[in-house]
Amino acid sequence: MLRTIDMVKGELNDDLTLSTVVLTMFDGRTRLSAQVAEQVRHHFPDETLQATIPRSVRVSEAPSYGQTVITYHPASAGAYAYVAAAEELAERGAVRDEEAS
């Protein structure tokens, strides 16, 4: 991921910065997911959202119906997770706006 960001910065956009990391396809039942999340949060503590998007059949199915998981199956764990991530992003934006004022 960092190599890709560096490549884009060098070739297309020198001002590109990593602002937010969202952990997706997270499976809380596996040790690997927990380890990856821990490492990402260690390397990007300020950028990584607390909300995680779970590995989910509903999340995978939604695009084939031309929908988001929120419209496809709003009561699913994936839909709730995306709403939580959006709320966290909105809160971060509100805090940054207050800091800029």
C-alpha atoms as a PDB file:
ATOM      1  CA  MET A   1       0.000   0.000   0.000  1.00  0.00           C
ATOM      2  CA  LEU A   2       2.747   2.433   0.926  1.00  0.00           C
ATOM      3  CA  ARG A   3       4.625   1.650  -2.296  1.00  0.00           C
ATOM      4  CA  THR A   4       1.489   2.437  -4.284  1.00  0.00           C
ATOM      5  CA  ILE A   5       1.024   5.731  -2.447  1.00  0.00           C
ATOM      6  CA  ASP A   6       4.675   6.631  -3.069  1.00  0.00           C
ATOM      7  CA  MET A   7       4.323   5.732  -6.751  1.00  0.00           C
ATOM      8  CA  VAL A   8       1.205   7.888  -7.140  1.00  0.00           C
ATOM      9  CA  LYS A   9       2.906  10.744  -5.301  1.00  0.00           C
ATOM     10  CA  GLY A  10       5.943  10.534  -7.550  1.00  0.00           C
ATOM     11  CA  GLU A  11       4.033  10.225 -10.810  1.00  0.00           C
ATOM     12  CA  LEU A  12       0.680  11.950 -10.397  1.00  0.00           C
ATOM     13  CA  ASN A  13       0.158  13.879  -7.164  1.00  0.00           C
ATOM     14  CA  ASP A  14       2.974  15.051  -4.903  1.00  0.00           C
ATOM     15  CA  ASP A  15       0.425  16.339  -2.367  1.00  0.00           C
ATOM     16  CA  LEU A  16      -1.202  12.936  -1.815  1.00  0.00           C
ATOM     17  CA  THR A  17      -1.397  11.928   1.851  1.00  0.00           C
ATOM     18  CA  LEU A  18      -2.849   8.949   3.683  1.00  0.00           C
ATOM     19  CA  SER A  19      -5.709  10.342   5.731  1.00  0.00           C
ATOM     20  CA  THR A  20      -7.814   7.325   6.672  1.00  0.00           C
ATOM     21  CA  VAL A  21      -7.430   3.556   6.849  1.00  0.00           C
ATOM     22  CA  VAL A  22     -10.518   1.344   6.983  1.00  0.00           C
ATOM     23  CA  LEU A  23     -10.061  -2.289   7.947  1.00  0.00           C
ATOM     24  CA  THR A  24     -12.263  -4.373   5.660  1.00  0.00           C
ATOM     25  CA  MET A  25     -12.940  -8.086   5.285  1.00  0.00           C
ATOM     26  CA  PHE A  26     -12.235  -8.315   9.021  1.00  0.00           C
ATOM     27  CA  ASP A  27     -12.992 -11.670  10.631  1.00  0.00           C
ATOM     28  CA  GLY A  28     -12.964 -11.306  14.400  1.00  0.00           C
ATOM     29  CA  ARG A  29     -12.894 -15.084  14.798  1.00  0.00           C
ATOM     30  CA  THR A  30      -9.402 -15.411  13.337  1.00  0.00           C
ATOM     31  CA  ARG A  31      -6.114 -14.615  14.922  1.00  0.00           C
ATOM     32  CA  LEU A  32      -4.755 -13.365  11.609  1.00  0.00           C
ATOM     33  CA  SER A  33      -7.365 -10.598  11.364  1.00  0.00           C
ATOM     34  CA  ALA A  34      -6.605  -9.498  14.909  1.00  0.00           C
ATOM     35  CA  GLN A  35      -2.859  -9.466  14.205  1.00  0.00           C
ATOM     36  CA  VAL A  36      -3.243  -7.512  10.970  1.00  0.00           C
ATOM     37  CA  ALA A  37      -5.532  -4.987  12.662  1.00  0.00           C
ATOM     38  CA  GLU A  38      -3.053  -4.586  15.513  1.00  0.00           C
ATOM     39  CA  GLN A  39      -0.158  -4.002  13.104  1.00  0.00           C
ATOM     40  CA  VAL A  40      -2.097  -1.509  11.000  1.00  0.00           C
ATOM     41  CA  ARG A  41      -3.199   0.396  14.107  1.00  0.00           C
ATOM     42  CA  HIS A  42       0.392   0.375  15.381  1.00  0.00           C
ATOM     43  CA  HIS A  43       1.765   1.841  12.128  1.00  0.00           C
ATOM     44  CA  PHE A  44      -1.164   4.197  11.460  1.00  0.00           C
ATOM     45  CA  PRO A  45      -2.632   5.038  14.884  1.00  0.00           C
ATOM     46  CA  ASP A  46      -4.216   8.345  13.898  1.00  0.00           C
ATOM     47  CA  GLU A  47      -5.395   7.267  10.458  1.00  0.00           C
ATOM     48  CA  THR A  48      -7.080   3.934  11.272  1.00  0.00           C
ATOM     49  CA  LEU A  49     -10.779   3.959  12.064  1.00  0.00           C
ATOM     50  CA  GLN A  50     -11.968   2.040  15.104  1.00  0.00           C
ATOM     51  CA  ALA A  51     -14.894   0.711  13.048  1.00  0.00           C
ATOM     52  CA  THR A  52     -14.075  -2.432  11.100  1.00  0.00           C
ATOM     53  CA  ILE A  53     -15.982  -3.857   8.158  1.00  0.00           C
ATOM     54  CA  PRO A  54     -16.592  -7.589   8.631  1.00  0.00           C
ATOM     55  CA  ARG A  55     -16.215 -10.282   6.025  1.00  0.00           C
ATOM     56  CA  SER A  56     -19.830 -10.786   5.037  1.00  0.00           C
ATOM     57  CA  VAL A  57     -21.863 -12.554   2.386  1.00  0.00           C
ATOM     58  CA  ARG A  58     -24.285  -9.596   2.292  1.00  0.00           C
ATOM     59  CA  VAL A  59     -21.448  -7.130   1.645  1.00  0.00           C
ATOM     60  CA  SER A  60     -20.208  -9.367  -1.184  1.00  0.00           C
ATOM     61  CA  GLU A  61     -23.667  -9.851  -2.726  1.00  0.00           C
ATOM     62  CA  ALA A  62     -24.791  -6.214  -2.750  1.00  0.00           C
ATOM     63  CA  PRO A  63     -22.744  -5.004  -5.763  1.00  0.00           C
ATOM     64  CA  SER A  64     -24.098  -7.776  -7.983  1.00  0.00           C
ATOM     65  CA  TYR A  65     -27.550  -6.280  -7.339  1.00  0.00           C
ATOM     66  CA  GLY A  66     -26.283  -2.777  -8.086  1.00  0.00           C
ATOM     67  CA  GLN A  67     -26.700  -1.712  -4.472  1.00  0.00           C
ATOM     68  CA  THR A  68     -24.719  -0.864  -1.401  1.00  0.00           C
ATOM     69  CA  VAL A  69     -25.013  -3.222   1.532  1.00  0.00           C
ATOM     70  CA  ILE A  70     -26.947  -0.488   3.327  1.00  0.00           C
ATOM     71  CA  THR A  71     -29.720  -0.557   0.721  1.00  0.00           C
ATOM     72  CA  TYR A  72     -29.428  -4.272  -0.057  1.00  0.00           C
ATOM     73  CA  HIS A  73     -29.627  -5.577   3.497  1.00  0.00           C
ATOM     74  CA  PRO A  74     -29.787  -2.694   6.000  1.00  0.00           C
ATOM     75  CA  ALA A  75     -30.082  -4.985   9.047  1.00  0.00           C
ATOM     76  CA  SER A  76     -26.854  -6.872   8.270  1.00  0.00           C
ATOM     77  CA  ALA A  77     -23.667  -6.608  10.301  1.00  0.00           C
ATOM     78  CA  GLY A  78     -21.897  -5.187   7.240  1.00  0.00           C
ATOM     79  CA  ALA A  79     -24.450  -2.408   6.847  1.00  0.00           C
ATOM     80  CA  TYR A  80     -24.156  -1.479  10.516  1.00  0.00           C
ATOM     81  CA  ALA A  81     -20.359  -1.504  10.208  1.00  0.00           C
ATOM     82  CA  TYR A  82     -20.376   0.834   7.206  1.00  0.00           C
ATOM     83  CA  VAL A  83     -22.739   3.201   9.017  1.00  0.00           C
ATOM     84  CA  ALA A  84     -20.405   3.170  12.041  1.00  0.00           C
ATOM     85  CA  ALA A  85     -17.424   3.908   9.772  1.00  0.00           C
ATOM     86  CA  ALA A  86     -19.310   6.772   8.106  1.00  0.00           C
ATOM     87  CA  GLU A  87     -20.253   8.228  11.486  1.00  0.00           C
ATOM     88  CA  GLU A  88     -16.647   8.019  12.624  1.00  0.00           C
ATOM     89  CA  LEU A  89     -15.472   9.737   9.434  1.00  0.00           C
ATOM     90  CA  ALA A  90     -18.075  12.462   9.882  1.00  0.00           C
ATOM     91  CA  GLU A  91     -16.976  12.981  13.479  1.00  0.00           C
ATOM     92  CA  ARG A  92     -13.337  13.239  12.385  1.00  0.00           C
ATOM     93  CA  GLY A  93     -14.336  15.822   9.812  1.00  0.00           C
ATOM     94  CA  ALA A  94     -16.228  17.817  12.405  1.00  0.00           C
ATOM     95  CA  VAL A  95     -13.249  17.761  14.767  1.00  0.00           C
ATOM     96  CA  ARG A  96     -10.856  18.847  12.000  1.00  0.00           C
ATOM     97  CA  ASP A  97     -13.246  21.642  11.010  1.00  0.00           C
ATOM     98  CA  GLU A  98     -13.321  22.867  14.634  1.00  0.00           C
ATOM     99  CA  GLU A  99      -9.521  22.726  14.841  1.00  0.00           C
ATOM    100  CA  ALA A 100      -9.209  24.747  11.641  1.00  0.00           C
ATOM    101  CA  SER A 101     -11.516  27.485  12.970  1.00  0.00           C
END
